[in-house]
Amino acid sequence: MPFFNRNGWPRPELHLPAAHQKGLQVNFYSFHIGDYASATRHLTWDEDAAYRRLLDAYYTREMPIPLDLSVACRLVSATGEAHCQAVKTVLDEFFTETAEGWVHDRCEAEIALARTRNRRRGNRRWQV
């Protein structure tokens, strides 16, 4: 599946799920510096950048990273061969390959928490 449609626009299904195209649910996520540093200290510069960009893409899209490596690389602006190799290394180490795509357990938990909070806030907001 090409990343862009025939008009040259990015295909929305590769960026945001249909339910979220009108407005993002997660526009903030907790970044635990100590947890991240202890888990990623061994990464190269490129791998660290790839991991941060993959996390940002995961939270922004609120869905797993696509299985197609070329699409995943394009999603995080990994343009060179070394960058794509860094993306592949990070996906293999920190994500789980599933039928839906590359899943990250902590991202899934944070997104679920954000959705719960947003539902509660929405319910309070409209109560009279």
C-alpha atoms as a PDB file:
ATOM      1  CA  MET A   1       0.000   0.000   0.000  1.00  0.00           C
ATOM      2  CA  PRO A   2       1.549   3.343  -0.992  1.00  0.00           C
ATOM      3  CA  PHE A   3       2.069   5.936   1.702  1.00  0.00           C
ATOM      4  CA  PHE A   4       0.458   8.686  -0.409  1.00  0.00           C
ATOM      5  CA  ASN A   5      -2.831   8.573  -2.308  1.00  0.00           C
ATOM      6  CA  ARG A   6      -3.053   9.357  -6.032  1.00  0.00           C
ATOM      7  CA  ASN A   7      -3.365  13.093  -5.298  1.00  0.00           C
ATOM      8  CA  GLY A   8      -0.110  13.173  -3.363  1.00  0.00           C
ATOM      9  CA  TRP A   9      -1.720  13.488   0.075  1.00  0.00           C
ATOM     10  CA  PRO A  10      -0.721  11.159   2.926  1.00  0.00           C
ATOM     11  CA  ARG A  11      -3.167   8.303   3.330  1.00  0.00           C
ATOM     12  CA  PRO A  12      -5.095   9.056   6.566  1.00  0.00           C
ATOM     13  CA  GLU A  13      -5.333   5.414   7.612  1.00  0.00           C
ATOM     14  CA  LEU A  14      -1.552   5.361   7.925  1.00  0.00           C
ATOM     15  CA  HIS A  15      -1.600   8.352  10.247  1.00  0.00           C
ATOM     16  CA  LEU A  16      -4.741   8.357  12.350  1.00  0.00           C
ATOM     17  CA  PRO A  17      -7.527   5.882  12.976  1.00  0.00           C
ATOM     18  CA  ALA A  18     -10.858   7.064  11.583  1.00  0.00           C
ATOM     19  CA  ALA A  19     -12.274   7.702  15.055  1.00  0.00           C
ATOM     20  CA  HIS A  20      -9.495  10.176  15.799  1.00  0.00           C
ATOM     21  CA  GLN A  21      -9.199  12.121  12.552  1.00  0.00           C
ATOM     22  CA  LYS A  22     -11.414  14.895  13.947  1.00  0.00           C
ATOM     23  CA  GLY A  23      -9.324  15.392  17.089  1.00  0.00           C
ATOM     24  CA  LEU A  24      -6.657  13.588  19.005  1.00  0.00           C
ATOM     25  CA  GLN A  25      -7.364  11.979  22.336  1.00  0.00           C
ATOM     26  CA  VAL A  26      -3.715  11.847  23.440  1.00  0.00           C
ATOM     27  CA  ASN A  27      -1.957  15.186  23.111  1.00  0.00           C
ATOM     28  CA  PHE A  28       0.274  14.610  26.125  1.00  0.00           C
ATOM     29  CA  TYR A  29       1.978  11.582  27.599  1.00  0.00           C
ATOM     30  CA  SER A  30       4.084  11.051  30.693  1.00  0.00           C
ATOM     31  CA  PHE A  31       7.740  10.624  29.889  1.00  0.00           C
ATOM     32  CA  HIS A  32       9.580   8.931  32.727  1.00  0.00           C
ATOM     33  CA  ILE A  33      13.186   9.959  32.152  1.00  0.00           C
ATOM     34  CA  GLY A  34      14.669   7.420  34.569  1.00  0.00           C
ATOM     35  CA  ASP A  35      12.726   4.506  33.091  1.00  0.00           C
ATOM     36  CA  TYR A  36      13.633   5.545  29.567  1.00  0.00           C
ATOM     37  CA  ALA A  37      17.314   6.106  30.344  1.00  0.00           C
ATOM     38  CA  SER A  38      17.744   2.790  32.128  1.00  0.00           C
ATOM     39  CA  ALA A  39      16.032   0.874  29.302  1.00  0.00           C
ATOM     40  CA  THR A  40      17.795   2.652  26.435  1.00  0.00           C
ATOM     41  CA  ARG A  41      21.293   3.476  27.650  1.00  0.00           C
ATOM     42  CA  HIS A  42      22.758   0.862  25.290  1.00  0.00           C
ATOM     43  CA  LEU A  43      21.155   2.318  22.153  1.00  0.00           C
ATOM     44  CA  THR A  44      23.103   4.156  19.480  1.00  0.00           C
ATOM     45  CA  TRP A  45      22.278   7.764  18.683  1.00  0.00           C
ATOM     46  CA  ASP A  46      20.183   6.706  15.664  1.00  0.00           C
ATOM     47  CA  GLU A  47      18.373   3.992  17.614  1.00  0.00           C
ATOM     48  CA  ASP A  48      17.536   6.433  20.414  1.00  0.00           C
ATOM     49  CA  ALA A  49      16.118   8.925  17.907  1.00  0.00           C
ATOM     50  CA  ALA A  50      14.170   6.160  16.175  1.00  0.00           C
ATOM     51  CA  TYR A  51      12.702   4.973  19.475  1.00  0.00           C
ATOM     52  CA  ARG A  52      11.559   8.471  20.513  1.00  0.00           C
ATOM     53  CA  ARG A  53      10.006   9.078  17.095  1.00  0.00           C
ATOM     54  CA  LEU A  54       8.278   5.701  17.147  1.00  0.00           C
ATOM     55  CA  LEU A  55       6.837   6.487  20.585  1.00  0.00           C
ATOM     56  CA  ASP A  56       5.621   9.895  19.371  1.00  0.00           C
ATOM     57  CA  ALA A  57       4.027   8.298  16.292  1.00  0.00           C
ATOM     58  CA  TYR A  58       2.372   5.636  18.435  1.00  0.00           C
ATOM     59  CA  TYR A  59       0.845   8.176  20.802  1.00  0.00           C
ATOM     60  CA  THR A  60      -0.174  10.583  18.039  1.00  0.00           C
ATOM     61  CA  ARG A  61      -1.860   7.873  15.977  1.00  0.00           C
ATOM     62  CA  GLU A  62      -3.107   5.903  19.006  1.00  0.00           C
ATOM     63  CA  MET A  63      -2.477   2.673  17.161  1.00  0.00           C
ATOM     64  CA  PRO A  64       0.319   0.186  16.511  1.00  0.00           C
ATOM     65  CA  ILE A  65       3.181   0.974  14.149  1.00  0.00           C
ATOM     66  CA  PRO A  66       2.562  -0.538  10.681  1.00  0.00           C
ATOM     67  CA  LEU A  67       4.248  -3.890  10.016  1.00  0.00           C
ATOM     68  CA  ASP A  68       5.633  -2.750   6.662  1.00  0.00           C
ATOM     69  CA  LEU A  69       9.119  -1.460   7.510  1.00  0.00           C
ATOM     70  CA  SER A  70       9.138   1.082   4.673  1.00  0.00           C
ATOM     71  CA  VAL A  71       5.874   2.579   5.961  1.00  0.00           C
ATOM     72  CA  ALA A  72       7.171   2.595   9.546  1.00  0.00           C
ATOM     73  CA  CYS A  73      10.374   4.325   8.421  1.00  0.00           C
ATOM     74  CA  ARG A  74       8.428   6.905   6.444  1.00  0.00           C
ATOM     75  CA  LEU A  75       6.167   7.512   9.450  1.00  0.00           C
ATOM     76  CA  VAL A  76       9.159   8.559  11.582  1.00  0.00           C
ATOM     77  CA  SER A  77      11.122  10.290   8.787  1.00  0.00           C
ATOM     78  CA  ALA A  78      13.839   7.635   8.697  1.00  0.00           C
ATOM     79  CA  THR A  79      15.241   8.435   5.284  1.00  0.00           C
ATOM     80  CA  GLY A  80      18.565   6.618   5.061  1.00  0.00           C
ATOM     81  CA  GLU A  81      19.465   2.961   5.236  1.00  0.00           C
ATOM     82  CA  ALA A  82      21.132   3.423   8.642  1.00  0.00           C
ATOM     83  CA  HIS A  83      18.020   5.141   9.988  1.00  0.00           C
ATOM     84  CA  CYS A  84      15.736   2.365   8.734  1.00  0.00           C
ATOM     85  CA  GLN A  85      18.039  -0.223  10.283  1.00  0.00           C
ATOM     86  CA  ALA A  86      17.768   1.682  13.582  1.00  0.00           C
ATOM     87  CA  VAL A  87      13.961   1.611  13.295  1.00  0.00           C
ATOM     88  CA  LYS A  88      14.046  -2.148  12.655  1.00  0.00           C
ATOM     89  CA  THR A  89      16.386  -2.723  15.618  1.00  0.00           C
ATOM     90  CA  VAL A  90      14.132  -0.720  17.957  1.00  0.00           C
ATOM     91  CA  LEU A  91      10.962  -2.418  16.723  1.00  0.00           C
ATOM     92  CA  ASP A  92      12.511  -5.847  17.304  1.00  0.00           C
ATOM     93  CA  GLU A  93      13.708  -4.943  20.798  1.00  0.00           C
ATOM     94  CA  PHE A  94      10.932  -2.814  22.297  1.00  0.00           C
ATOM     95  CA  PHE A  95       7.769  -3.645  20.344  1.00  0.00           C
ATOM     96  CA  THR A  96       5.777  -6.849  19.853  1.00  0.00           C
ATOM     97  CA  GLU A  97       4.829  -7.890  16.333  1.00  0.00           C
ATOM     98  CA  THR A  98       1.097  -8.669  16.075  1.00  0.00           C
ATOM     99  CA  ALA A  99      -1.450  -8.953  13.282  1.00  0.00           C
ATOM    100  CA  GLU A 100      -2.445  -5.303  13.943  1.00  0.00           C
ATOM    101  CA  GLY A 101       1.129  -4.013  13.765  1.00  0.00           C
ATOM    102  CA  TRP A 102       4.026  -3.383  16.157  1.00  0.00           C
ATOM    103  CA  VAL A 103       2.501  -2.996  19.635  1.00  0.00           C
ATOM    104  CA  HIS A 104       4.143  -1.294  22.622  1.00  0.00           C
ATOM    105  CA  ASP A 105       2.639  -2.321  25.970  1.00  0.00           C
ATOM    106  CA  ARG A 106       3.421   0.897  27.839  1.00  0.00           C
ATOM    107  CA  CYS A 107       1.961   3.004  25.032  1.00  0.00           C
ATOM    108  CA  GLU A 108      -1.196   0.913  25.064  1.00  0.00           C
ATOM    109  CA  ALA A 109      -1.537   1.382  28.833  1.00  0.00           C
ATOM    110  CA  GLU A 110      -0.966   5.163  28.626  1.00  0.00           C
ATOM    111  CA  ILE A 111      -3.460   5.517  25.758  1.00  0.00           C
ATOM    112  CA  ALA A 112      -6.081   3.526  27.671  1.00  0.00           C
ATOM    113  CA  LEU A 113      -5.505   5.733  30.715  1.00  0.00           C
ATOM    114  CA  ALA A 114      -5.823   8.907  28.625  1.00  0.00           C
ATOM    115  CA  ARG A 115      -9.072   7.669  27.057  1.00  0.00           C
ATOM    116  CA  THR A 116     -10.494   6.898  30.502  1.00  0.00           C
ATOM    117  CA  ARG A 117      -9.538  10.351  31.772  1.00  0.00           C
ATOM    118  CA  ASN A 118     -10.991  12.040  28.696  1.00  0.00           C
ATOM    119  CA  ARG A 119     -14.270  10.144  29.086  1.00  0.00           C
ATOM    120  CA  ARG A 120     -14.491  11.191  32.745  1.00  0.00           C
ATOM    121  CA  ARG A 121     -13.694  14.807  31.895  1.00  0.00           C
ATOM    122  CA  GLY A 122     -16.235  14.783  29.085  1.00  0.00           C
ATOM    123  CA  ASN A 123     -18.920  13.355  31.330  1.00  0.00           C
ATOM    124  CA  ARG A 124     -18.247  15.984  34.025  1.00  0.00           C
ATOM    125  CA  ARG A 125     -18.174  18.774  31.473  1.00  0.00           C
ATOM    126  CA  TRP A 126     -21.670  18.096  30.164  1.00  0.00           C
ATOM    127  CA  GLN A 127     -23.360  17.373  33.491  1.00  0.00           C
ATOM    128  CA  VAL A 128     -25.755  20.062  34.588  1.00  0.00           C
END
